[in-house]
Amino acid sequence: MKVQVLQENLQRGLATVSRAVPSQTSLPIAANVLIGTDGG
């Protein structure tokens, strides 16, 4: 699957998510972000 997004929209979303998780975590999986899509 290929997805195209505007860089500024992706940056805004990642900035929001990054505030929810501490920078130093004991769970490596918490350092990742899952991106999903809806529809076609």
PDB file of N, CA and C in Angstrom:
ATOM      1  N   MET A   1       0.843  -1.166   0.000  1.00  0.00           N
ATOM      2  CA  MET A   1       0.000   0.000   0.000  1.00  0.00           C
ATOM      3  C   MET A   1       0.897   1.240   0.000  1.00  0.00           C
ATOM      4  N   LYS A   2       0.544   2.207  -0.795  1.00  0.00           N
ATOM      5  CA  LYS A   2       1.253   3.481  -0.816  1.00  0.00           C
ATOM      6  C   LYS A   2       0.317   4.560  -0.292  1.00  0.00           C
ATOM      7  N   VAL A   3       0.865   5.418   0.534  1.00  0.00           N
ATOM      8  CA  VAL A   3       0.092   6.509   1.116  1.00  0.00           C
ATOM      9  C   VAL A   3       0.858   7.803   0.908  1.00  0.00           C
ATOM     10  N   GLN A   4       0.162   8.837   0.516  1.00  0.00           N
ATOM     11  CA  GLN A   4       0.786  10.150   0.368  1.00  0.00           C
ATOM     12  C   GLN A   4       0.158  11.104   1.376  1.00  0.00           C
ATOM     13  N   VAL A   5       1.004  11.785   2.124  1.00  0.00           N
ATOM     14  CA  VAL A   5       0.530  12.788   3.080  1.00  0.00           C
ATOM     15  C   VAL A   5       1.408  14.025   2.963  1.00  0.00           C
ATOM     16  N   LEU A   6       0.856  15.141   3.324  1.00  0.00           N
ATOM     17  CA  LEU A   6       1.647  16.363   3.369  1.00  0.00           C
ATOM     18  C   LEU A   6       2.578  16.293   4.575  1.00  0.00           C
ATOM     19  N   GLN A   7       3.801  16.709   4.393  1.00  0.00           N
ATOM     20  CA  GLN A   7       4.795  16.643   5.459  1.00  0.00           C
ATOM     21  C   GLN A   7       4.331  17.391   6.706  1.00  0.00           C
ATOM     22  N   GLU A   8       3.719  18.551   6.521  1.00  0.00           N
ATOM     23  CA  GLU A   8       3.289  19.338   7.681  1.00  0.00           C
ATOM     24  C   GLU A   8       2.179  18.630   8.456  1.00  0.00           C
ATOM     25  N   ASN A   9       1.292  17.903   7.763  1.00  0.00           N
ATOM     26  CA  ASN A   9       0.240  17.150   8.451  1.00  0.00           C
ATOM     27  C   ASN A   9       0.833  15.990   9.240  1.00  0.00           C
ATOM     28  N   LEU A  10       1.797  15.297   8.647  1.00  0.00           N
ATOM     29  CA  LEU A  10       2.454  14.187   9.337  1.00  0.00           C
ATOM     30  C   LEU A  10       3.223  14.705  10.546  1.00  0.00           C
ATOM     31  N   GLN A  11       3.940  15.797  10.392  1.00  0.00           N
ATOM     32  CA  GLN A  11       4.691  16.380  11.509  1.00  0.00           C
ATOM     33  C   GLN A  11       3.765  16.781  12.648  1.00  0.00           C
ATOM     34  N   ARG A  12       2.634  17.364  12.322  1.00  0.00           N
ATOM     35  CA  ARG A  12       1.681  17.792  13.347  1.00  0.00           C
ATOM     36  C   ARG A  12       1.152  16.589  14.121  1.00  0.00           C
ATOM     37  N   GLY A  13       0.802  15.529  13.409  1.00  0.00           N
ATOM     38  CA  GLY A  13       0.306  14.324  14.065  1.00  0.00           C
ATOM     39  C   GLY A  13       1.358  13.657  14.926  1.00  0.00           C
ATOM     40  N   LEU A  14       2.580  13.562  14.423  1.00  0.00           N
ATOM     41  CA  LEU A  14       3.657  12.937  15.193  1.00  0.00           C
ATOM     42  C   LEU A  14       4.031  13.770  16.415  1.00  0.00           C
ATOM     43  N   ALA A  15       3.953  15.085  16.304  1.00  0.00           N
ATOM     44  CA  ALA A  15       4.236  15.948  17.451  1.00  0.00           C
ATOM     45  C   ALA A  15       3.213  15.714  18.557  1.00  0.00           C
ATOM     46  N   THR A  16       1.955  15.537  18.173  1.00  0.00           N
ATOM     47  CA  THR A  16       0.906  15.261  19.152  1.00  0.00           C
ATOM     48  C   THR A  16       1.157  13.943  19.857  1.00  0.00           C
ATOM     49  N   VAL A  17       1.494  12.916  19.088  1.00  0.00           N
ATOM     50  CA  VAL A  17       1.738  11.588  19.654  1.00  0.00           C
ATOM     51  C   VAL A  17       2.981  11.592  20.537  1.00  0.00           C
ATOM     52  N   SER A  18       4.016  12.302  20.131  1.00  0.00           N
ATOM     53  CA  SER A  18       5.272  12.284  20.883  1.00  0.00           C
ATOM     54  C   SER A  18       5.121  12.876  22.279  1.00  0.00           C
ATOM     55  N   ARG A  19       4.138  13.737  22.483  1.00  0.00           N
ATOM     56  CA  ARG A  19       3.909  14.296  23.823  1.00  0.00           C
ATOM     57  C   ARG A  19       3.294  13.272  24.765  1.00  0.00           C
ATOM     58  N   ALA A  20       2.674  12.223  24.224  1.00  0.00           N
ATOM     59  CA  ALA A  20       1.997  11.230  25.056  1.00  0.00           C
ATOM     60  C   ALA A  20       2.939  10.162  25.597  1.00  0.00           C
ATOM     61  N   VAL A  21       4.111  10.005  24.995  1.00  0.00           N
ATOM     62  CA  VAL A  21       5.048   8.951  25.387  1.00  0.00           C
ATOM     63  C   VAL A  21       6.346   9.595  25.854  1.00  0.00           C
ATOM     64  N   PRO A  22       6.870   9.175  27.017  1.00  0.00           N
ATOM     65  CA  PRO A  22       8.145   9.734  27.474  1.00  0.00           C
ATOM     66  C   PRO A  22       9.283   9.384  26.521  1.00  0.00           C
ATOM     67  N   SER A  23      10.292  10.252  26.447  1.00  0.00           N
ATOM     68  CA  SER A  23      11.407  10.017  25.523  1.00  0.00           C
ATOM     69  C   SER A  23      12.249   8.816  25.940  1.00  0.00           C
ATOM     70  N   GLN A  24      12.355   8.561  27.234  1.00  0.00           N
ATOM     71  CA  GLN A  24      13.084   7.390  27.737  1.00  0.00           C
ATOM     72  C   GLN A  24      12.065   6.404  28.290  1.00  0.00           C
ATOM     73  N   THR A  25      11.880   5.281  27.607  1.00  0.00           N
ATOM     74  CA  THR A  25      10.909   4.287  28.045  1.00  0.00           C
ATOM     75  C   THR A  25      11.572   2.926  28.170  1.00  0.00           C
ATOM     76  N   SER A  26      11.085   2.120  29.098  1.00  0.00           N
ATOM     77  CA  SER A  26      11.637   0.778  29.280  1.00  0.00           C
ATOM     78  C   SER A  26      11.007  -0.222  28.308  1.00  0.00           C
ATOM     79  N   LEU A  27       9.956   0.188  27.615  1.00  0.00           N
ATOM     80  CA  LEU A  27       9.308  -0.663  26.623  1.00  0.00           C
ATOM     81  C   LEU A  27       9.669  -0.176  25.224  1.00  0.00           C
ATOM     82  N   PRO A  28      10.529  -0.893  24.502  1.00  0.00           N
ATOM     83  CA  PRO A  28      10.928  -0.443  23.163  1.00  0.00           C
ATOM     84  C   PRO A  28       9.755  -0.248  22.202  1.00  0.00           C
ATOM     85  N   ILE A  29       8.699  -1.024  22.355  1.00  0.00           N
ATOM     86  CA  ILE A  29       7.556  -0.908  21.455  1.00  0.00           C
ATOM     87  C   ILE A  29       6.876   0.455  21.598  1.00  0.00           C
ATOM     88  N   ALA A  30       7.034   1.099  22.757  1.00  0.00           N
ATOM     89  CA  ALA A  30       6.416   2.406  22.987  1.00  0.00           C
ATOM     90  C   ALA A  30       7.104   3.512  22.193  1.00  0.00           C
ATOM     91  N   ALA A  31       8.239   3.207  21.579  1.00  0.00           N
ATOM     92  CA  ALA A  31       8.961   4.203  20.781  1.00  0.00           C
ATOM     93  C   ALA A  31       8.494   4.203  19.329  1.00  0.00           C
ATOM     94  N   ASN A  32       7.511   3.378  18.986  1.00  0.00           N
ATOM     95  CA  ASN A  32       7.022   3.261  17.609  1.00  0.00           C
ATOM     96  C   ASN A  32       5.641   3.886  17.470  1.00  0.00           C
ATOM     97  N   VAL A  33       5.268   4.173  16.237  1.00  0.00           N
ATOM     98  CA  VAL A  33       3.957   4.743  15.930  1.00  0.00           C
ATOM     99  C   VAL A  33       3.306   3.884  14.853  1.00  0.00           C
ATOM    100  N   LEU A  34       2.068   3.479  15.088  1.00  0.00           N
ATOM    101  CA  LEU A  34       1.303   2.719  14.100  1.00  0.00           C
ATOM    102  C   LEU A  34       0.430   3.699  13.323  1.00  0.00           C
ATOM    103  N   ILE A  35       0.559   3.666  12.007  1.00  0.00           N
ATOM    104  CA  ILE A  35      -0.232   4.543  11.144  1.00  0.00           C
ATOM    105  C   ILE A  35      -1.218   3.676  10.371  1.00  0.00           C
ATOM    106  N   GLY A  36      -2.504   4.026  10.442  1.00  0.00           N
ATOM    107  CA  GLY A  36      -3.527   3.265   9.743  1.00  0.00           C
ATOM    108  C   GLY A  36      -4.331   4.164   8.813  1.00  0.00           C
ATOM    109  N   THR A  37      -5.109   3.543   7.942  1.00  0.00           N
ATOM    110  CA  THR A  37      -5.958   4.286   7.017  1.00  0.00           C
ATOM    111  C   THR A  37      -7.387   3.783   7.110  1.00  0.00           C
ATOM    112  N   ASP A  38      -8.319   4.603   6.688  1.00  0.00           N
ATOM    113  CA  ASP A  38      -9.728   4.227   6.600  1.00  0.00           C
ATOM    114  C   ASP A  38     -10.169   4.382   5.157  1.00  0.00           C
ATOM    115  N   GLY A  39     -11.005   3.486   4.708  1.00  0.00           N
ATOM    116  CA  GLY A  39     -11.575   3.613   3.374  1.00  0.00           C
ATOM    117  C   GLY A  39     -10.592   3.332   2.258  1.00  0.00           C
ATOM    118  N   GLY A  40     -10.848   3.907   1.104  1.00  0.00           N
ATOM    119  CA  GLY A  40     -10.064   3.604  -0.070  1.00  0.00           C
ATOM    120  C   GLY A  40      -9.103   4.668  -0.374  1.00  0.00           C
TER     121      GLY A  40
END
